[in-house]
Amino acid sequence: MFFEEVENEIYDSTFDSIYYALLEEYKEGSLTIEMLETNIEEQQQILLNGLFEGETKFAYASAA
């Protein structure tokens, strides 16, 4: 149970701060919905690339 609490606290503290920072940028007018959508698409591609690279390295290391 303790591990789950720590995990939730880390997740909340990380993503809540990002959310509020993005919200402030949007309120200031320095961030548009289009920019945010583009950023989301780019981040999704980065995560997919990282996942593929990790799987490839794991498969290579496991085969040795």
Protein backbone atom coordinates (compact mmCIF):
# COMPACT_ATOMS: atom_id res chain seq x y z
CA MET A 1 0.00 0.00 0.00
CA PHE A 2 2.82 2.41 0.80
CA PHE A 3 4.35 2.00 -2.67
CA GLU A 4 1.02 2.87 -4.32
CA GLU A 5 0.73 6.03 -2.24
CA VAL A 6 4.25 7.13 -3.18
CA GLU A 7 3.59 6.31 -6.83
CA ASN A 8 0.38 8.38 -6.84
CA GLU A 9 2.08 11.28 -5.08
CA ILE A 10 4.94 11.35 -7.60
CA TYR A 11 2.52 11.11 -10.52
CA ASP A 12 0.28 13.85 -9.16
CA SER A 13 3.14 16.20 -8.28
CA THR A 14 4.73 15.75 -11.70
CA PHE A 15 1.69 16.08 -13.92
CA ASP A 16 -0.24 18.58 -11.81
CA SER A 17 2.66 21.03 -12.04
CA ILE A 18 2.89 20.53 -15.81
CA TYR A 19 -0.86 21.02 -16.18
CA TYR A 20 -0.86 24.23 -14.16
CA ALA A 21 2.17 25.58 -16.03
CA LEU A 22 0.45 24.93 -19.37
CA LEU A 23 -2.75 26.50 -18.07
CA GLU A 24 -0.85 29.65 -17.06
CA GLU A 25 0.81 29.85 -20.49
CA TYR A 26 -2.59 29.52 -22.12
CA LYS A 27 -4.06 32.27 -19.93
CA GLU A 28 -1.11 34.55 -20.76
CA GLY A 29 -1.71 33.95 -24.46
CA SER A 30 1.70 32.41 -25.11
CA LEU A 31 0.19 28.97 -25.82
CA THR A 32 -2.55 28.19 -28.31
CA ILE A 33 -4.68 25.09 -28.63
CA GLU A 34 -3.01 24.39 -31.98
CA MET A 35 0.45 24.57 -30.39
CA LEU A 36 -0.69 22.26 -27.62
CA GLU A 37 -2.12 19.72 -30.09
CA THR A 38 1.12 19.81 -32.09
CA ASN A 39 3.13 19.31 -28.90
CA ILE A 40 0.96 16.33 -27.91
CA GLU A 41 1.47 14.71 -31.33
CA GLU A 42 5.23 15.25 -31.12
CA GLN A 43 5.41 13.83 -27.58
CA GLN A 44 3.39 10.78 -28.60
CA GLN A 45 5.82 10.13 -31.45
CA ILE A 46 8.80 10.53 -29.11
CA LEU A 47 7.26 8.02 -26.68
CA LEU A 48 6.58 5.54 -29.48
CA ASN A 49 10.15 5.90 -30.77
CA GLY A 50 11.52 5.38 -27.26
CA LEU A 51 9.35 2.32 -26.76
CA PHE A 52 10.50 0.82 -30.06
CA GLU A 53 14.15 1.57 -29.29
CA GLY A 54 13.82 0.01 -25.83
CA GLU A 55 12.19 -3.12 -27.23
CA THR A 56 14.90 -3.40 -29.86
CA LYS A 57 17.71 -3.08 -27.32
CA PHE A 58 15.98 -5.58 -25.01
CA ALA A 59 15.60 -8.10 -27.83
CA TYR A 60 19.25 -7.65 -28.81
CA ALA A 61 20.49 -8.00 -25.23
CA SER A 62 18.29 -11.04 -24.62
CA ALA A 63 19.52 -12.80 -27.75
CA ALA A 64 23.18 -12.57 -26.72
